[in-house]
Structure formats: C-alpha cells, structure tokens
Amino acid sequence: MKKMAYFVLLFCSFLFSGRGADAEMRACWASRFDGWISPDKETCENNIRAVMQTLKDNNYNAVLFQIRGECAAALCG
C-alpha cells in the first residue's frame, strides 16, 4: 500500500509541476484500413502522398502510421 501511495504522490508531482507545452501536437492516425492500400505499388505510393499532403495542408505535425496489420511485430513470451 505504501508503494502505491508513493507512486500516486510521484505521479501527481510530475503532473502538476510541469510548465505549459511549448508547441501543440496535431496528430492523425493513418490506419492501413482507410483505403489507401493497393496491390499496385505506384497507386499505393500516390495514395500515401495524397494523405500526407492533406495532413500538411491542414497543419498536422505528426502522423501515427500503421504499417503492420497482423501484429507480426509483437513480442512473444
């Protein structure tokens, strides 16, 4: 119980001691199921470029890009 209390106290100290953010993060999740995937390499590249350009035009500064669909990169154990 003491460990939990220390953890909560430590967490709250970090939560309330920081200063305001210097920059805003505007992110978008680009899922591979949104329709930009294509068996043709050129079509797929053009679709990805169009998505990235749309995000740039709308002032997004971060993209969370899904590249694996079957969780093949997960750690087993």
PDB file of N, CA and C in Angstrom:
ATOM      1  N   MET A   1       0.820  -1.195   0.000  1.00  0.00           N
ATOM      2  CA  MET A   1       0.000   0.000   0.000  1.00  0.00           C
ATOM      3  C   MET A   1       0.861   1.256   0.000  1.00  0.00           C
ATOM      4  N   LYS A   2       1.991   1.215   0.734  1.00  0.00           N
ATOM      5  CA  LYS A   2       2.872   2.379   0.775  1.00  0.00           C
ATOM      6  C   LYS A   2       3.472   2.658  -0.599  1.00  0.00           C
ATOM      7  N   LYS A   3       3.810   1.573  -1.316  1.00  0.00           N
ATOM      8  CA  LYS A   3       4.379   1.757  -2.652  1.00  0.00           C
ATOM      9  C   LYS A   3       3.383   2.451  -3.570  1.00  0.00           C
ATOM     10  N   MET A   4       2.125   2.079  -3.452  1.00  0.00           N
ATOM     11  CA  MET A   4       1.083   2.700  -4.277  1.00  0.00           C
ATOM     12  C   MET A   4       0.934   4.173  -3.921  1.00  0.00           C
ATOM     13  N   ALA A   5       0.964   4.495  -2.646  1.00  0.00           N
ATOM     14  CA  ALA A   5       0.848   5.893  -2.215  1.00  0.00           C
ATOM     15  C   ALA A   5       2.026   6.708  -2.730  1.00  0.00           C
ATOM     16  N   TYR A   6       3.238   6.139  -2.671  1.00  0.00           N
ATOM     17  CA  TYR A   6       4.410   6.840  -3.200  1.00  0.00           C
ATOM     18  C   TYR A   6       4.285   7.052  -4.707  1.00  0.00           C
ATOM     19  N   PHE A   7       3.800   6.032  -5.393  1.00  0.00           N
ATOM     20  CA  PHE A   7       3.624   6.145  -6.839  1.00  0.00           C
ATOM     21  C   PHE A   7       2.631   7.250  -7.188  1.00  0.00           C
ATOM     22  N   VAL A   8       1.508   7.291  -6.488  1.00  0.00           N
ATOM     23  CA  VAL A   8       0.495   8.322  -6.742  1.00  0.00           C
ATOM     24  C   VAL A   8       1.065   9.698  -6.449  1.00  0.00           C
ATOM     25  N   LEU A   9       1.799   9.840  -5.353  1.00  0.00           N
ATOM     26  CA  LEU A   9       2.416  11.116  -4.999  1.00  0.00           C
ATOM     27  C   LEU A   9       3.432  11.539  -6.056  1.00  0.00           C
ATOM     28  N   LEU A  10       4.253  10.596  -6.507  1.00  0.00           N
ATOM     29  CA  LEU A  10       5.241  10.890  -7.545  1.00  0.00           C
ATOM     30  C   LEU A  10       4.555  11.289  -8.845  1.00  0.00           C
ATOM     31  N   PHE A  11       3.527  10.548  -9.217  1.00  0.00           N
ATOM     32  CA  PHE A  11       2.786  10.856 -10.443  1.00  0.00           C
ATOM     33  C   PHE A  11       2.180  12.251 -10.380  1.00  0.00           C
ATOM     34  N   CYS A  12       1.553  12.578  -9.263  1.00  0.00           N
ATOM     35  CA  CYS A  12       0.925  13.899  -9.112  1.00  0.00           C
ATOM     36  C   CYS A  12       1.959  15.011  -9.132  1.00  0.00           C
ATOM     37  N   SER A  13       3.135  14.756  -8.572  1.00  0.00           N
ATOM     38  CA  SER A  13       4.170  15.791  -8.585  1.00  0.00           C
ATOM     39  C   SER A  13       4.628  16.076 -10.011  1.00  0.00           C
ATOM     40  N   PHE A  14       4.738  15.045 -10.845  1.00  0.00           N
ATOM     41  CA  PHE A  14       5.088  15.264 -12.243  1.00  0.00           C
ATOM     42  C   PHE A  14       3.942  15.918 -13.008  1.00  0.00           C
ATOM     43  N   LEU A  15       2.746  15.550 -12.661  1.00  0.00           N
ATOM     44  CA  LEU A  15       1.572  16.052 -13.360  1.00  0.00           C
ATOM     45  C   LEU A  15       1.391  17.548 -13.165  1.00  0.00           C
ATOM     46  N   PHE A  16       1.605  18.031 -11.963  1.00  0.00           N
ATOM     47  CA  PHE A  16       1.320  19.427 -11.648  1.00  0.00           C
ATOM     48  C   PHE A  16       2.553  20.325 -11.609  1.00  0.00           C
ATOM     49  N   SER A  17       3.750  19.779 -11.749  1.00  0.00           N
ATOM     50  CA  SER A  17       4.947  20.602 -11.640  1.00  0.00           C
ATOM     51  C   SER A  17       5.466  21.100 -12.982  1.00  0.00           C
ATOM     52  N   GLY A  18       4.986  20.551 -14.059  1.00  0.00           N
ATOM     53  CA  GLY A  18       5.497  20.926 -15.369  1.00  0.00           C
ATOM     54  C   GLY A  18       4.994  22.274 -15.823  1.00  0.00           C
ATOM     55  N   ARG A  19       5.706  22.835 -16.774  1.00  0.00           N
ATOM     56  CA  ARG A  19       5.250  24.090 -17.358  1.00  0.00           C
ATOM     57  C   ARG A  19       4.428  23.773 -18.599  1.00  0.00           C
ATOM     58  N   GLY A  20       3.807  24.771 -19.158  1.00  0.00           N
ATOM     59  CA  GLY A  20       2.958  24.572 -20.326  1.00  0.00           C
ATOM     60  C   GLY A  20       3.739  24.081 -21.535  1.00  0.00           C
ATOM     61  N   ALA A  21       3.062  23.467 -22.427  1.00  0.00           N
ATOM     62  CA  ALA A  21       3.702  22.943 -23.631  1.00  0.00           C
ATOM     63  C   ALA A  21       4.177  24.080 -24.519  1.00  0.00           C
ATOM     64  N   ASP A  22       5.366  23.909 -25.096  1.00  0.00           N
ATOM     65  CA  ASP A  22       5.910  24.916 -25.995  1.00  0.00           C
ATOM     66  C   ASP A  22       5.258  24.855 -27.372  1.00  0.00           C
ATOM     67  N   ALA A  23       4.841  23.679 -27.762  1.00  0.00           N
ATOM     68  CA  ALA A  23       4.253  23.519 -29.089  1.00  0.00           C
ATOM     69  C   ALA A  23       3.059  22.579 -29.010  1.00  0.00           C
ATOM     70  N   GLU A  24       2.139  22.798 -29.904  1.00  0.00           N
ATOM     71  CA  GLU A  24       0.953  21.954 -29.969  1.00  0.00           C
ATOM     72  C   GLU A  24       1.248  20.746 -30.859  1.00  0.00           C
ATOM     73  N   MET A  25       0.781  19.590 -30.438  1.00  0.00           N
ATOM     74  CA  MET A  25       0.911  18.395 -31.271  1.00  0.00           C
ATOM     75  C   MET A  25      -0.427  18.143 -31.938  1.00  0.00           C
ATOM     76  N   ARG A  26      -0.413  18.200 -33.255  1.00  0.00           N
ATOM     77  CA  ARG A  26      -1.612  17.907 -34.033  1.00  0.00           C
ATOM     78  C   ARG A  26      -1.326  16.629 -34.801  1.00  0.00           C
ATOM     79  N   ALA A  27      -1.896  15.530 -34.339  1.00  0.00           N
ATOM     80  CA  ALA A  27      -1.583  14.219 -34.895  1.00  0.00           C
ATOM     81  C   ALA A  27      -2.800  13.585 -35.549  1.00  0.00           C
ATOM     82  N   CYS A  28      -2.509  12.670 -36.456  1.00  0.00           N
ATOM     83  CA  CYS A  28      -3.556  11.910 -37.138  1.00  0.00           C
ATOM     84  C   CYS A  28      -3.121  10.448 -37.185  1.00  0.00           C
ATOM     85  N   TRP A  29      -4.068   9.552 -36.943  1.00  0.00           N
ATOM     86  CA  TRP A  29      -3.824   8.123 -37.059  1.00  0.00           C
ATOM     87  C   TRP A  29      -4.132   7.715 -38.488  1.00  0.00           C
ATOM     88  N   ALA A  30      -3.121   7.248 -39.215  1.00  0.00           N
ATOM     89  CA  ALA A  30      -3.304   6.795 -40.589  1.00  0.00           C
ATOM     90  C   ALA A  30      -3.362   5.267 -40.581  1.00  0.00           C
ATOM     91  N   SER A  31      -4.563   4.735 -40.547  1.00  0.00           N
ATOM     92  CA  SER A  31      -4.760   3.295 -40.495  1.00  0.00           C
ATOM     93  C   SER A  31      -4.593   2.690 -41.881  1.00  0.00           C
ATOM     94  N   ARG A  32      -4.084   1.490 -41.926  1.00  0.00           N
ATOM     95  CA  ARG A  32      -3.916   0.830 -43.221  1.00  0.00           C
ATOM     96  C   ARG A  32      -5.246   0.372 -43.799  1.00  0.00           C
ATOM     97  N   PHE A  33      -6.323   0.479 -43.039  1.00  0.00           N
ATOM     98  CA  PHE A  33      -7.633   0.050 -43.500  1.00  0.00           C
ATOM     99  C   PHE A  33      -8.470   1.204 -44.033  1.00  0.00           C
ATOM    100  N   ASP A  34      -7.864   2.385 -44.200  1.00  0.00           N
ATOM    101  CA  ASP A  34      -8.609   3.557 -44.662  1.00  0.00           C
ATOM    102  C   ASP A  34      -8.774   3.604 -46.177  1.00  0.00           C
ATOM    103  N   GLY A  35      -8.281   2.622 -46.891  1.00  0.00           N
ATOM    104  CA  GLY A  35      -8.489   2.570 -48.326  1.00  0.00           C
ATOM    105  C   GLY A  35      -7.310   3.036 -49.160  1.00  0.00           C
ATOM    106  N   TRP A  36      -6.210   3.443 -48.543  1.00  0.00           N
ATOM    107  CA  TRP A  36      -5.075   3.887 -49.338  1.00  0.00           C
ATOM    108  C   TRP A  36      -4.176   2.735 -49.752  1.00  0.00           C
ATOM    109  N   ILE A  37      -4.389   1.551 -49.166  1.00  0.00           N
ATOM    110  CA  ILE A  37      -3.611   0.364 -49.531  1.00  0.00           C
ATOM    111  C   ILE A  37      -4.076  -0.142 -50.896  1.00  0.00           C
ATOM    112  N   SER A  38      -3.113  -0.494 -51.728  1.00  0.00           N
ATOM    113  CA  SER A  38      -3.419  -1.013 -53.054  1.00  0.00           C
ATOM    114  C   SER A  38      -2.362  -2.049 -53.419  1.00  0.00           C
ATOM    115  N   PRO A  39      -2.726  -3.082 -54.179  1.00  0.00           N
ATOM    116  CA  PRO A  39      -1.717  -4.061 -54.600  1.00  0.00           C
ATOM    117  C   PRO A  39      -0.690  -3.451 -55.553  1.00  0.00           C
ATOM    118  N   ASP A  40      -1.083  -2.399 -56.267  1.00  0.00           N
ATOM    119  CA  ASP A  40      -0.178  -1.727 -57.191  1.00  0.00           C
ATOM    120  C   ASP A  40       0.699  -0.744 -56.414  1.00  0.00           C
ATOM    121  N   LYS A  41       2.024  -0.876 -56.546  1.00  0.00           N
ATOM    122  CA  LYS A  41       2.965  -0.066 -55.770  1.00  0.00           C
ATOM    123  C   LYS A  41       2.801   1.424 -56.044  1.00  0.00           C
ATOM    124  N   GLU A  42       2.691   1.805 -57.310  1.00  0.00           N
ATOM    125  CA  GLU A  42       2.568   3.232 -57.650  1.00  0.00           C
ATOM    126  C   GLU A  42       1.287   3.839 -57.094  1.00  0.00           C
ATOM    127  N   THR A  43       0.190   3.122 -57.210  1.00  0.00           N
ATOM    128  CA  THR A  43      -1.085   3.613 -56.677  1.00  0.00           C
ATOM    129  C   THR A  43      -1.002   3.784 -55.168  1.00  0.00           C
ATOM    130  N   CYS A  44      -0.406   2.808 -54.495  1.00  0.00           N
ATOM    131  CA  CYS A  44      -0.257   2.874 -53.047  1.00  0.00           C
ATOM    132  C   CYS A  44       0.603   4.076 -52.642  1.00  0.00           C
ATOM    133  N   GLU A  45       1.733   4.279 -53.326  1.00  0.00           N
ATOM    134  CA  GLU A  45       2.605   5.419 -53.025  1.00  0.00           C
ATOM    135  C   GLU A  45       1.890   6.741 -53.266  1.00  0.00           C
ATOM    136  N   ASN A  46       1.145   6.834 -54.355  1.00  0.00           N
ATOM    137  CA  ASN A  46       0.406   8.068 -54.643  1.00  0.00           C
ATOM    138  C   ASN A  46      -0.681   8.327 -53.604  1.00  0.00           C
ATOM    139  N   ASN A  47      -1.348   7.271 -53.150  1.00  0.00           N
ATOM    140  CA  ASN A  47      -2.369   7.427 -52.108  1.00  0.00           C
ATOM    141  C   ASN A  47      -1.752   7.916 -50.800  1.00  0.00           C
ATOM    142  N   ILE A  48      -0.599   7.355 -50.438  1.00  0.00           N
ATOM    143  CA  ILE A  48       0.086   7.786 -49.215  1.00  0.00           C
ATOM    144  C   ILE A  48       0.531   9.239 -49.347  1.00  0.00           C
ATOM    145  N   ARG A  49       1.073   9.602 -50.506  1.00  0.00           N
ATOM    146  CA  ARG A  49       1.480  11.001 -50.724  1.00  0.00           C
ATOM    147  C   ARG A  49       0.290  11.951 -50.615  1.00  0.00           C
ATOM    148  N   ALA A  50      -0.854  11.539 -51.139  1.00  0.00           N
ATOM    149  CA  ALA A  50      -2.054  12.385 -51.062  1.00  0.00           C
ATOM    150  C   ALA A  50      -2.505  12.562 -49.614  1.00  0.00           C
ATOM    151  N   VAL A  51      -2.464  11.482 -48.826  1.00  0.00           N
ATOM    152  CA  VAL A  51      -2.827  11.575 -47.409  1.00  0.00           C
ATOM    153  C   VAL A  51      -1.871  12.515 -46.692  1.00  0.00           C
ATOM    154  N   MET A  52      -0.570  12.362 -46.933  1.00  0.00           N
ATOM    155  CA  MET A  52       0.423  13.221 -46.281  1.00  0.00           C
ATOM    156  C   MET A  52       0.260  14.682 -46.689  1.00  0.00           C
ATOM    157  N   GLN A  53      -0.035  14.933 -47.952  1.00  0.00           N
ATOM    158  CA  GLN A  53      -0.223  16.310 -48.411  1.00  0.00           C
ATOM    159  C   GLN A  53      -1.461  16.932 -47.770  1.00  0.00           C
ATOM    160  N   THR A  54      -2.531  16.158 -47.657  1.00  0.00           N
ATOM    161  CA  THR A  54      -3.744  16.654 -46.999  1.00  0.00           C
ATOM    162  C   THR A  54      -3.459  17.019 -45.546  1.00  0.00           C
ATOM    163  N   LEU A  55      -2.702  16.174 -44.860  1.00  0.00           N
ATOM    164  CA  LEU A  55      -2.345  16.470 -43.470  1.00  0.00           C
ATOM    165  C   LEU A  55      -1.472  17.717 -43.381  1.00  0.00           C
ATOM    166  N   LYS A  56      -0.529  17.856 -44.299  1.00  0.00           N
ATOM    167  CA  LYS A  56       0.332  19.045 -44.317  1.00  0.00           C
ATOM    168  C   LYS A  56      -0.493  20.303 -44.568  1.00  0.00           C
ATOM    169  N   ASP A  57      -1.421  20.228 -45.506  1.00  0.00           N
ATOM    170  CA  ASP A  57      -2.270  21.380 -45.825  1.00  0.00           C
ATOM    171  C   ASP A  57      -3.134  21.799 -44.638  1.00  0.00           C
ATOM    172  N   ASN A  58      -3.442  20.854 -43.754  1.00  0.00           N
ATOM    173  CA  ASN A  58      -4.276  21.136 -42.586  1.00  0.00           C
ATOM    174  C   ASN A  58      -3.459  21.328 -41.308  1.00  0.00           C
ATOM    175  N   ASN A  59      -2.158  21.579 -41.466  1.00  0.00           N
ATOM    176  CA  ASN A  59      -1.247  21.923 -40.364  1.00  0.00           C
ATOM    177  C   ASN A  59      -1.066  20.827 -39.315  1.00  0.00           C
ATOM    178  N   TYR A  60      -1.119  19.577 -39.730  1.00  0.00           N
ATOM    179  CA  TYR A  60      -0.788  18.492 -38.805  1.00  0.00           C
ATOM    180  C   TYR A  60       0.731  18.400 -38.723  1.00  0.00           C
ATOM    181  N   ASN A  61       1.253  18.087 -37.552  1.00  0.00           N
ATOM    182  CA  ASN A  61       2.702  17.996 -37.411  1.00  0.00           C
ATOM    183  C   ASN A  61       3.169  16.612 -36.955  1.00  0.00           C
ATOM    184  N   ALA A  62       2.258  15.653 -36.878  1.00  0.00           N
ATOM    185  CA  ALA A  62       2.623  14.284 -36.514  1.00  0.00           C
ATOM    186  C   ALA A  62       1.644  13.314 -37.162  1.00  0.00           C
ATOM    187  N   VAL A  63       2.181  12.184 -37.605  1.00  0.00           N
ATOM    188  CA  VAL A  63       1.345  11.139 -38.196  1.00  0.00           C
ATOM    189  C   VAL A  63       1.674   9.829 -37.496  1.00  0.00           C
ATOM    190  N   LEU A  64       0.661   9.182 -36.977  1.00  0.00           N
ATOM    191  CA  LEU A  64       0.809   7.853 -36.393  1.00  0.00           C
ATOM    192  C   LEU A  64       0.421   6.882 -37.501  1.00  0.00           C
ATOM    193  N   PHE A  65       1.403   6.196 -38.043  1.00  0.00           N
ATOM    194  CA  PHE A  65       1.231   5.439 -39.269  1.00  0.00           C
ATOM    195  C   PHE A  65       1.266   3.951 -38.974  1.00  0.00           C
ATOM    196  N   GLN A  66       0.181   3.240 -39.283  1.00  0.00           N
ATOM    197  CA  GLN A  66       0.118   1.794 -39.072  1.00  0.00           C
ATOM    198  C   GLN A  66       0.718   1.100 -40.278  1.00  0.00           C
ATOM    199  N   ILE A  67       1.726   0.272 -40.041  1.00  0.00           N
ATOM    200  CA  ILE A  67       2.359  -0.420 -41.156  1.00  0.00           C
ATOM    201  C   ILE A  67       2.168  -1.932 -41.107  1.00  0.00           C
ATOM    202  N   ARG A  68       1.798  -2.468 -39.963  1.00  0.00           N
ATOM    203  CA  ARG A  68       1.565  -3.904 -39.831  1.00  0.00           C
ATOM    204  C   ARG A  68       0.111  -4.146 -39.470  1.00  0.00           C
ATOM    205  N   GLY A  69      -0.516  -5.068 -40.147  1.00  0.00           N
ATOM    206  CA  GLY A  69      -1.920  -5.327 -39.889  1.00  0.00           C
ATOM    207  C   GLY A  69      -2.202  -6.558 -39.054  1.00  0.00           C
ATOM    208  N   GLU A  70      -1.221  -7.453 -38.925  1.00  0.00           N
ATOM    209  CA  GLU A  70      -1.461  -8.710 -38.233  1.00  0.00           C
ATOM    210  C   GLU A  70      -0.658  -8.830 -36.947  1.00  0.00           C
ATOM    211  N   CYS A  71      -0.168  -7.734 -36.445  1.00  0.00           N
ATOM    212  CA  CYS A  71       0.594  -7.714 -35.194  1.00  0.00           C
ATOM    213  C   CYS A  71       1.808  -8.636 -35.292  1.00  0.00           C
ATOM    214  N   ALA A  72       2.431  -8.673 -36.453  1.00  0.00           N
ATOM    215  CA  ALA A  72       3.574  -9.552 -36.662  1.00  0.00           C
ATOM    216  C   ALA A  72       4.830  -9.042 -35.961  1.00  0.00           C
ATOM    217  N   ALA A  73       4.808  -7.786 -35.510  1.00  0.00           N
ATOM    218  CA  ALA A  73       5.978  -7.224 -34.839  1.00  0.00           C
ATOM    219  C   ALA A  73       5.877  -7.320 -33.322  1.00  0.00           C
ATOM    220  N   ALA A  74       4.841  -7.942 -32.802  1.00  0.00           N
ATOM    221  CA  ALA A  74       4.647  -8.034 -31.354  1.00  0.00           C
ATOM    222  C   ALA A  74       5.638  -9.026 -30.746  1.00  0.00           C
ATOM    223  N   LEU A  75       6.002  -8.754 -29.514  1.00  0.00           N
ATOM    224  CA  LEU A  75       6.896  -9.662 -28.795  1.00  0.00           C
ATOM    225  C   LEU A  75       6.105 -10.843 -28.254  1.00  0.00           C
ATOM    226  N   CYS A  76       6.654 -12.005 -28.389  1.00  0.00           N
ATOM    227  CA  CYS A  76       6.005 -13.202 -27.854  1.00  0.00           C
ATOM    228  C   CYS A  76       6.706 -13.604 -26.561  1.00  0.00           C
ATOM    229  N   GLY A  77       5.934 -14.058 -25.627  1.00  0.00           N
ATOM    230  CA  GLY A  77       6.597 -14.526 -24.411  1.00  0.00           C
ATOM    231  C   GLY A  77       5.801 -14.346 -23.263  1.00  0.00           C
TER     232      GLY A  77
END
